[in-house]
Amino acid sequence: MDARATSIENAQFGTHRGEESRPSREAAEAAVRTLIRWAGDDPGREGLRDTPARVARAYEEWFGGYREDADAILDRTFSETGGYREMVFLRDIRFCSHCEHHMAPIVGRAHVAYLPKDRVVGISKLARLVDVFARRLQIQERLTAEIAEALEAALQPLGIAVMIEASHGCMTTRGVYKEDALLVTTRMLGVFQDQADWRNQFRSAIANRDRRCP
């Protein structure tokens, strides 16, 4: 790339600092207008005139996980557990992510459990942990592993179990068009990996999740 082309690129996307910096909102909106034209429509018509700005705002929400720190979310933990040594389990954590291959939605539920050793974390932090990784371009396998590994690093518990069940737009709305297919992924660490009794307790709690509190 010659110097003039580099200068133009830096003006549009910001100065490079080792790697490309985040593009400006104007550049993002211009990219949306290009996609609208490529799809075959006119970005200047009334119904689409404000679409690039709306898409940019939506992307800020859908991909807000890039601006959040999982370690900070789990920074505050509690040691006053009263000797509790049973499973802590938060199930049916709804999330929406996007696959990194087609940028199609991944919609599903995460089930997160851990067996405390010395510390516990507020239950809302478990849901936020799922969201911080889900709100990035993902594959479900990595999403499952990232949740488990972040929780392990923060709590050092006796064990962790994560299961995700999700529908992938890249195969429900295109390609093979399998609308009812769900991908299930799991990540087991510690006692959940080594001891069948704990794995079975985790899976049983998921299987019985229709028995809700009033």
C-alpha atoms as a PDB file:
ATOM      1  CA  MET A   1       0.000   0.000   0.000  1.00  0.00           C
ATOM      2  CA  ASP A   2       1.471   3.398  -1.001  1.00  0.00           C
ATOM      3  CA  ALA A   3       1.750   6.360   1.367  1.00  0.00           C
ATOM      4  CA  ARG A   4      -1.290   8.164  -0.076  1.00  0.00           C
ATOM      5  CA  ALA A   5      -3.529   5.085   0.306  1.00  0.00           C
ATOM      6  CA  THR A   6      -2.263   4.570   3.849  1.00  0.00           C
ATOM      7  CA  SER A   7      -3.058   8.183   4.700  1.00  0.00           C
ATOM      8  CA  ILE A   8      -6.607   7.840   3.346  1.00  0.00           C
ATOM      9  CA  GLU A   9      -7.152   4.619   5.311  1.00  0.00           C
ATOM     10  CA  ASN A  10      -5.871   6.182   8.528  1.00  0.00           C
ATOM     11  CA  ALA A  11      -8.152   9.180   8.065  1.00  0.00           C
ATOM     12  CA  GLN A  12     -11.177   6.903   7.665  1.00  0.00           C
ATOM     13  CA  PHE A  13     -10.434   4.309  10.322  1.00  0.00           C
ATOM     14  CA  GLY A  14      -8.150   6.095  12.762  1.00  0.00           C
ATOM     15  CA  THR A  15      -4.400   5.910  13.306  1.00  0.00           C
ATOM     16  CA  HIS A  16      -2.940   2.410  13.531  1.00  0.00           C
ATOM     17  CA  ARG A  17      -1.318   1.534  16.843  1.00  0.00           C
ATOM     18  CA  GLY A  18       0.145  -1.924  16.331  1.00  0.00           C
ATOM     19  CA  GLU A  19      -3.212  -3.121  15.014  1.00  0.00           C
ATOM     20  CA  GLU A  20      -6.132  -1.440  13.311  1.00  0.00           C
ATOM     21  CA  SER A  21      -8.051   0.846  15.624  1.00  0.00           C
ATOM     22  CA  ARG A  22     -11.816   0.778  15.811  1.00  0.00           C
ATOM     23  CA  PRO A  23     -13.461   2.436  12.787  1.00  0.00           C
ATOM     24  CA  SER A  24     -15.479   5.586  13.277  1.00  0.00           C
ATOM     25  CA  ARG A  25     -19.270   5.541  13.450  1.00  0.00           C
ATOM     26  CA  GLU A  26     -19.329   7.312  10.083  1.00  0.00           C
ATOM     27  CA  ALA A  27     -17.271   4.517   8.535  1.00  0.00           C
ATOM     28  CA  ALA A  28     -19.570   1.887  10.055  1.00  0.00           C
ATOM     29  CA  GLU A  29     -22.670   3.621   8.717  1.00  0.00           C
ATOM     30  CA  ALA A  30     -21.061   3.908   5.273  1.00  0.00           C
ATOM     31  CA  ALA A  31     -20.415   0.160   5.337  1.00  0.00           C
ATOM     32  CA  VAL A  32     -24.099  -0.494   6.089  1.00  0.00           C
ATOM     33  CA  ARG A  33     -25.122   1.681   3.139  1.00  0.00           C
ATOM     34  CA  THR A  34     -22.796  -0.363   0.935  1.00  0.00           C
ATOM     35  CA  LEU A  35     -24.415  -3.605   2.111  1.00  0.00           C
ATOM     36  CA  ILE A  36     -27.885  -2.216   1.440  1.00  0.00           C
ATOM     37  CA  ARG A  37     -26.850  -1.352  -2.107  1.00  0.00           C
ATOM     38  CA  TRP A  38     -25.211  -4.778  -2.524  1.00  0.00           C
ATOM     39  CA  ALA A  39     -28.446  -6.435  -1.360  1.00  0.00           C
ATOM     40  CA  GLY A  40     -30.234  -4.586  -4.159  1.00  0.00           C
ATOM     41  CA  ASP A  41     -31.984  -1.699  -2.427  1.00  0.00           C
ATOM     42  CA  ASP A  42     -31.569   2.058  -2.230  1.00  0.00           C
ATOM     43  CA  PRO A  43     -30.143   3.327   1.102  1.00  0.00           C
ATOM     44  CA  GLY A  44     -31.482   6.759   0.241  1.00  0.00           C
ATOM     45  CA  ARG A  45     -35.148   5.804   0.201  1.00  0.00           C
ATOM     46  CA  GLU A  46     -37.292   6.889   3.142  1.00  0.00           C
ATOM     47  CA  GLY A  47     -37.586   3.531   4.888  1.00  0.00           C
ATOM     48  CA  LEU A  48     -33.828   2.913   4.778  1.00  0.00           C
ATOM     49  CA  ARG A  49     -32.501   6.431   5.266  1.00  0.00           C
ATOM     50  CA  ASP A  50     -31.922   6.030   9.011  1.00  0.00           C
ATOM     51  CA  THR A  51     -31.085   2.312   8.884  1.00  0.00           C
ATOM     52  CA  PRO A  52     -27.264   2.729   8.926  1.00  0.00           C
ATOM     53  CA  ALA A  53     -27.449   4.734  12.174  1.00  0.00           C
ATOM     54  CA  ARG A  54     -29.845   2.209  13.690  1.00  0.00           C
ATOM     55  CA  VAL A  55     -27.571  -0.689  12.734  1.00  0.00           C
ATOM     56  CA  ALA A  56     -24.554   1.058  14.276  1.00  0.00           C
ATOM     57  CA  ARG A  57     -26.457   1.541  17.537  1.00  0.00           C
ATOM     58  CA  ALA A  58     -27.614  -2.077  17.465  1.00  0.00           C
ATOM     59  CA  TYR A  59     -24.035  -3.263  16.960  1.00  0.00           C
ATOM     60  CA  GLU A  60     -22.944  -1.298  20.017  1.00  0.00           C
ATOM     61  CA  GLU A  61     -25.454  -3.308  22.045  1.00  0.00           C
ATOM     62  CA  TRP A  62     -25.030  -6.699  20.363  1.00  0.00           C
ATOM     63  CA  PHE A  63     -21.230  -6.542  20.594  1.00  0.00           C
ATOM     64  CA  GLY A  64     -20.898  -4.642  23.855  1.00  0.00           C
ATOM     65  CA  GLY A  65     -18.932  -7.553  25.318  1.00  0.00           C
ATOM     66  CA  TYR A  66     -15.775  -6.292  23.632  1.00  0.00           C
ATOM     67  CA  ARG A  67     -15.886  -3.261  25.923  1.00  0.00           C
ATOM     68  CA  GLU A  68     -16.411  -5.268  29.116  1.00  0.00           C
ATOM     69  CA  ASP A  69     -13.897  -7.118  31.264  1.00  0.00           C
ATOM     70  CA  ALA A  70     -14.904 -10.524  32.619  1.00  0.00           C
ATOM     71  CA  ASP A  71     -12.279 -10.287  35.361  1.00  0.00           C
ATOM     72  CA  ALA A  72     -13.783  -7.016  36.586  1.00  0.00           C
ATOM     73  CA  ILE A  73     -17.264  -8.543  36.695  1.00  0.00           C
ATOM     74  CA  LEU A  74     -15.990 -11.344  38.949  1.00  0.00           C
ATOM     75  CA  ASP A  75     -13.663  -9.122  40.960  1.00  0.00           C
ATOM     76  CA  ARG A  76     -15.808  -9.078  44.099  1.00  0.00           C
ATOM     77  CA  THR A  77     -16.296 -12.461  45.758  1.00  0.00           C
ATOM     78  CA  PHE A  78     -17.424 -13.522  49.225  1.00  0.00           C
ATOM     79  CA  SER A  79     -15.756 -15.861  51.705  1.00  0.00           C
ATOM     80  CA  GLU A  80     -18.575 -16.032  54.276  1.00  0.00           C
ATOM     81  CA  THR A  81     -20.222 -19.198  52.945  1.00  0.00           C
ATOM     82  CA  GLY A  82     -21.110 -20.850  56.276  1.00  0.00           C
ATOM     83  CA  GLY A  83     -19.221 -23.937  55.181  1.00  0.00           C
ATOM     84  CA  TYR A  84     -21.486 -24.439  52.160  1.00  0.00           C
ATOM     85  CA  ARG A  85     -20.084 -27.255  50.006  1.00  0.00           C
ATOM     86  CA  GLU A  86     -22.965 -28.051  47.645  1.00  0.00           C
ATOM     87  CA  MET A  87     -23.548 -27.085  44.039  1.00  0.00           C
ATOM     88  CA  VAL A  88     -24.396 -23.485  43.178  1.00  0.00           C
ATOM     89  CA  PHE A  89     -26.415 -23.610  39.981  1.00  0.00           C
ATOM     90  CA  LEU A  90     -27.936 -20.854  37.855  1.00  0.00           C
ATOM     91  CA  ARG A  91     -29.914 -22.259  34.971  1.00  0.00           C
ATOM     92  CA  ASP A  92     -31.762 -20.944  31.929  1.00  0.00           C
ATOM     93  CA  ILE A  93     -29.632 -17.841  31.444  1.00  0.00           C
ATOM     94  CA  ARG A  94     -31.021 -16.532  28.174  1.00  0.00           C
ATOM     95  CA  PHE A  95     -28.538 -14.950  25.770  1.00  0.00           C
ATOM     96  CA  CYS A  96     -28.159 -13.784  22.208  1.00  0.00           C
ATOM     97  CA  SER A  97     -24.805 -13.987  20.477  1.00  0.00           C
ATOM     98  CA  HIS A  98     -23.688 -13.899  16.831  1.00  0.00           C
ATOM     99  CA  CYS A  99     -21.659 -16.509  15.006  1.00  0.00           C
ATOM    100  CA  GLU A 100     -18.322 -15.377  13.674  1.00  0.00           C
ATOM    101  CA  HIS A 101     -18.775 -17.232  10.385  1.00  0.00           C
ATOM    102  CA  HIS A 102     -21.999 -15.623   9.108  1.00  0.00           C
ATOM    103  CA  MET A 103     -22.762 -13.026  11.820  1.00  0.00           C
ATOM    104  CA  ALA A 104     -26.131 -14.751  12.221  1.00  0.00           C
ATOM    105  CA  PRO A 105     -27.810 -14.852  15.659  1.00  0.00           C
ATOM    106  CA  ILE A 106     -27.091 -17.589  18.191  1.00  0.00           C
ATOM    107  CA  VAL A 107     -30.021 -17.668  20.610  1.00  0.00           C
ATOM    108  CA  GLY A 108     -30.099 -19.985  23.578  1.00  0.00           C
ATOM    109  CA  ARG A 109     -29.760 -20.694  27.269  1.00  0.00           C
ATOM    110  CA  ALA A 110     -26.698 -21.227  29.421  1.00  0.00           C
ATOM    111  CA  HIS A 111     -26.601 -23.320  32.600  1.00  0.00           C
ATOM    112  CA  VAL A 112     -23.715 -22.543  34.955  1.00  0.00           C
ATOM    113  CA  ALA A 113     -22.791 -24.448  38.115  1.00  0.00           C
ATOM    114  CA  TYR A 114     -19.849 -24.514  40.474  1.00  0.00           C
ATOM    115  CA  LEU A 115     -18.900 -26.282  43.691  1.00  0.00           C
ATOM    116  CA  PRO A 116     -17.432 -23.682  46.085  1.00  0.00           C
ATOM    117  CA  LYS A 117     -14.150 -24.192  47.852  1.00  0.00           C
ATOM    118  CA  ASP A 118     -13.553 -20.961  49.762  1.00  0.00           C
ATOM    119  CA  ARG A 119     -15.488 -18.288  47.890  1.00  0.00           C
ATOM    120  CA  VAL A 120     -18.784 -17.572  46.134  1.00  0.00           C
ATOM    121  CA  VAL A 121     -19.882 -14.805  43.784  1.00  0.00           C
ATOM    122  CA  GLY A 122     -23.152 -12.894  43.493  1.00  0.00           C
ATOM    123  CA  ILE A 123     -25.600 -14.771  41.288  1.00  0.00           C
ATOM    124  CA  SER A 124     -26.216 -11.784  39.003  1.00  0.00           C
ATOM    125  CA  LYS A 125     -22.511 -11.890  38.147  1.00  0.00           C
ATOM    126  CA  LEU A 126     -22.981 -15.345  36.620  1.00  0.00           C
ATOM    127  CA  ALA A 127     -25.582 -13.963  34.224  1.00  0.00           C
ATOM    128  CA  ARG A 128     -23.381 -10.961  33.413  1.00  0.00           C
ATOM    129  CA  LEU A 129     -20.450 -13.298  32.760  1.00  0.00           C
ATOM    130  CA  VAL A 130     -22.486 -15.159  30.151  1.00  0.00           C
ATOM    131  CA  ASP A 131     -23.457 -11.865  28.509  1.00  0.00           C
ATOM    132  CA  VAL A 132     -19.947 -10.425  28.375  1.00  0.00           C
ATOM    133  CA  PHE A 133     -18.733 -13.357  26.269  1.00  0.00           C
ATOM    134  CA  ALA A 134     -21.979 -13.834  24.332  1.00  0.00           C
ATOM    135  CA  ARG A 135     -21.924 -10.216  23.136  1.00  0.00           C
ATOM    136  CA  ARG A 136     -18.977 -10.893  20.874  1.00  0.00           C
ATOM    137  CA  LEU A 137     -18.544 -12.740  17.607  1.00  0.00           C
ATOM    138  CA  GLN A 138     -18.468 -16.329  18.764  1.00  0.00           C
ATOM    139  CA  ILE A 139     -18.577 -20.016  18.175  1.00  0.00           C
ATOM    140  CA  GLN A 140     -20.559 -21.867  20.808  1.00  0.00           C
ATOM    141  CA  GLU A 141     -17.699 -24.150  21.776  1.00  0.00           C
ATOM    142  CA  ARG A 142     -15.450 -21.215  22.660  1.00  0.00           C
ATOM    143  CA  LEU A 143     -18.259 -19.377  24.451  1.00  0.00           C
ATOM    144  CA  THR A 144     -18.799 -22.406  26.684  1.00  0.00           C
ATOM    145  CA  ALA A 145     -15.100 -22.712  27.507  1.00  0.00           C
ATOM    146  CA  GLU A 146     -14.620 -18.975  28.165  1.00  0.00           C
ATOM    147  CA  ILE A 147     -17.412 -18.890  30.740  1.00  0.00           C
ATOM    148  CA  ALA A 148     -15.988 -21.877  32.610  1.00  0.00           C
ATOM    149  CA  GLU A 149     -12.394 -20.698  32.545  1.00  0.00           C
ATOM    150  CA  ALA A 150     -13.202 -17.164  33.708  1.00  0.00           C
ATOM    151  CA  LEU A 151     -15.178 -18.539  36.641  1.00  0.00           C
ATOM    152  CA  GLU A 152     -12.386 -20.941  37.526  1.00  0.00           C
ATOM    153  CA  ALA A 153      -9.806 -18.150  37.517  1.00  0.00           C
ATOM    154  CA  ALA A 154     -11.916 -15.950  39.804  1.00  0.00           C
ATOM    155  CA  LEU A 155     -13.124 -18.510  42.352  1.00  0.00           C
ATOM    156  CA  GLN A 156     -10.755 -21.496  42.190  1.00  0.00           C
ATOM    157  CA  PRO A 157     -13.705 -23.739  43.119  1.00  0.00           C
ATOM    158  CA  LEU A 158     -13.744 -27.504  43.470  1.00  0.00           C
ATOM    159  CA  GLY A 159     -15.488 -27.811  40.142  1.00  0.00           C
ATOM    160  CA  ILE A 160     -17.321 -25.997  37.360  1.00  0.00           C
ATOM    161  CA  ALA A 161     -19.941 -27.149  34.879  1.00  0.00           C
ATOM    162  CA  VAL A 162     -21.272 -25.140  31.953  1.00  0.00           C
ATOM    163  CA  MET A 163     -23.834 -26.284  29.409  1.00  0.00           C
ATOM    164  CA  ILE A 164     -25.185 -24.220  26.532  1.00  0.00           C
ATOM    165  CA  GLU A 165     -28.173 -25.113  24.352  1.00  0.00           C
ATOM    166  CA  ALA A 166     -28.645 -22.808  21.376  1.00  0.00           C
ATOM    167  CA  SER A 167     -30.240 -22.355  17.989  1.00  0.00           C
ATOM    168  CA  HIS A 168     -27.967 -21.051  15.233  1.00  0.00           C
ATOM    169  CA  GLY A 169     -29.384 -18.741  12.604  1.00  0.00           C
ATOM    170  CA  CYS A 170     -26.686 -19.817  10.155  1.00  0.00           C
ATOM    171  CA  MET A 171     -28.397 -23.208   9.886  1.00  0.00           C
ATOM    172  CA  THR A 172     -32.020 -22.340  10.728  1.00  0.00           C
ATOM    173  CA  THR A 173     -32.465 -19.449   8.274  1.00  0.00           C
ATOM    174  CA  ARG A 174     -29.994 -20.467   5.556  1.00  0.00           C
ATOM    175  CA  GLY A 175     -27.983 -23.456   4.365  1.00  0.00           C
ATOM    176  CA  VAL A 176     -29.626 -26.659   5.593  1.00  0.00           C
ATOM    177  CA  TYR A 177     -32.697 -24.852   7.061  1.00  0.00           C
ATOM    178  CA  LYS A 178     -33.039 -27.104  10.143  1.00  0.00           C
ATOM    179  CA  GLU A 179     -35.319 -24.939  12.255  1.00  0.00           C
ATOM    180  CA  ASP A 180     -35.606 -27.228  15.284  1.00  0.00           C
ATOM    181  CA  ALA A 181     -31.926 -28.138  15.614  1.00  0.00           C
ATOM    182  CA  LEU A 182     -30.179 -27.176  18.856  1.00  0.00           C
ATOM    183  CA  LEU A 183     -26.449 -27.341  19.456  1.00  0.00           C
ATOM    184  CA  VAL A 184     -25.492 -28.516  22.959  1.00  0.00           C
ATOM    185  CA  THR A 185     -22.001 -27.913  24.325  1.00  0.00           C
ATOM    186  CA  THR A 186     -20.534 -28.591  27.768  1.00  0.00           C
ATOM    187  CA  ARG A 187     -17.397 -27.741  29.693  1.00  0.00           C
ATOM    188  CA  MET A 188     -16.627 -29.643  32.896  1.00  0.00           C
ATOM    189  CA  LEU A 189     -13.769 -28.812  35.250  1.00  0.00           C
ATOM    190  CA  GLY A 190     -12.651 -30.270  38.579  1.00  0.00           C
ATOM    191  CA  VAL A 191     -15.099 -32.619  40.289  1.00  0.00           C
ATOM    192  CA  PHE A 192     -17.634 -32.264  37.480  1.00  0.00           C
ATOM    193  CA  GLN A 193     -15.052 -33.660  35.104  1.00  0.00           C
ATOM    194  CA  ASP A 194     -13.664 -36.318  37.430  1.00  0.00           C
ATOM    195  CA  GLN A 195     -16.728 -37.577  39.323  1.00  0.00           C
ATOM    196  CA  ALA A 196     -19.809 -38.974  37.608  1.00  0.00           C
ATOM    197  CA  ASP A 197     -22.036 -38.230  40.623  1.00  0.00           C
ATOM    198  CA  TRP A 198     -21.506 -34.475  40.290  1.00  0.00           C
ATOM    199  CA  ARG A 199     -21.972 -34.589  36.521  1.00  0.00           C
ATOM    200  CA  ASN A 200     -25.215 -36.492  36.975  1.00  0.00           C
ATOM    201  CA  GLN A 201     -26.447 -34.018  39.597  1.00  0.00           C
ATOM    202  CA  PHE A 202     -25.768 -31.136  37.211  1.00  0.00           C
ATOM    203  CA  ARG A 203     -27.536 -32.824  34.294  1.00  0.00           C
ATOM    204  CA  SER A 204     -30.446 -33.858  36.480  1.00  0.00           C
ATOM    205  CA  ALA A 205     -30.944 -30.262  37.605  1.00  0.00           C
ATOM    206  CA  ILE A 206     -31.163 -29.214  33.953  1.00  0.00           C
ATOM    207  CA  ALA A 207     -33.540 -32.034  33.049  1.00  0.00           C
ATOM    208  CA  ASN A 208     -35.871 -31.037  35.896  1.00  0.00           C
ATOM    209  CA  ARG A 209     -35.853 -27.324  35.090  1.00  0.00           C
ATOM    210  CA  ASP A 210     -39.598 -27.256  34.284  1.00  0.00           C
ATOM    211  CA  ARG A 211     -40.226 -27.595  38.019  1.00  0.00           C
ATOM    212  CA  ARG A 212     -40.039 -23.882  38.718  1.00  0.00           C
ATOM    213  CA  CYS A 213     -40.631 -21.948  41.901  1.00  0.00           C
ATOM    214  CA  PRO A 214     -44.060 -20.270  42.163  1.00  0.00           C
END
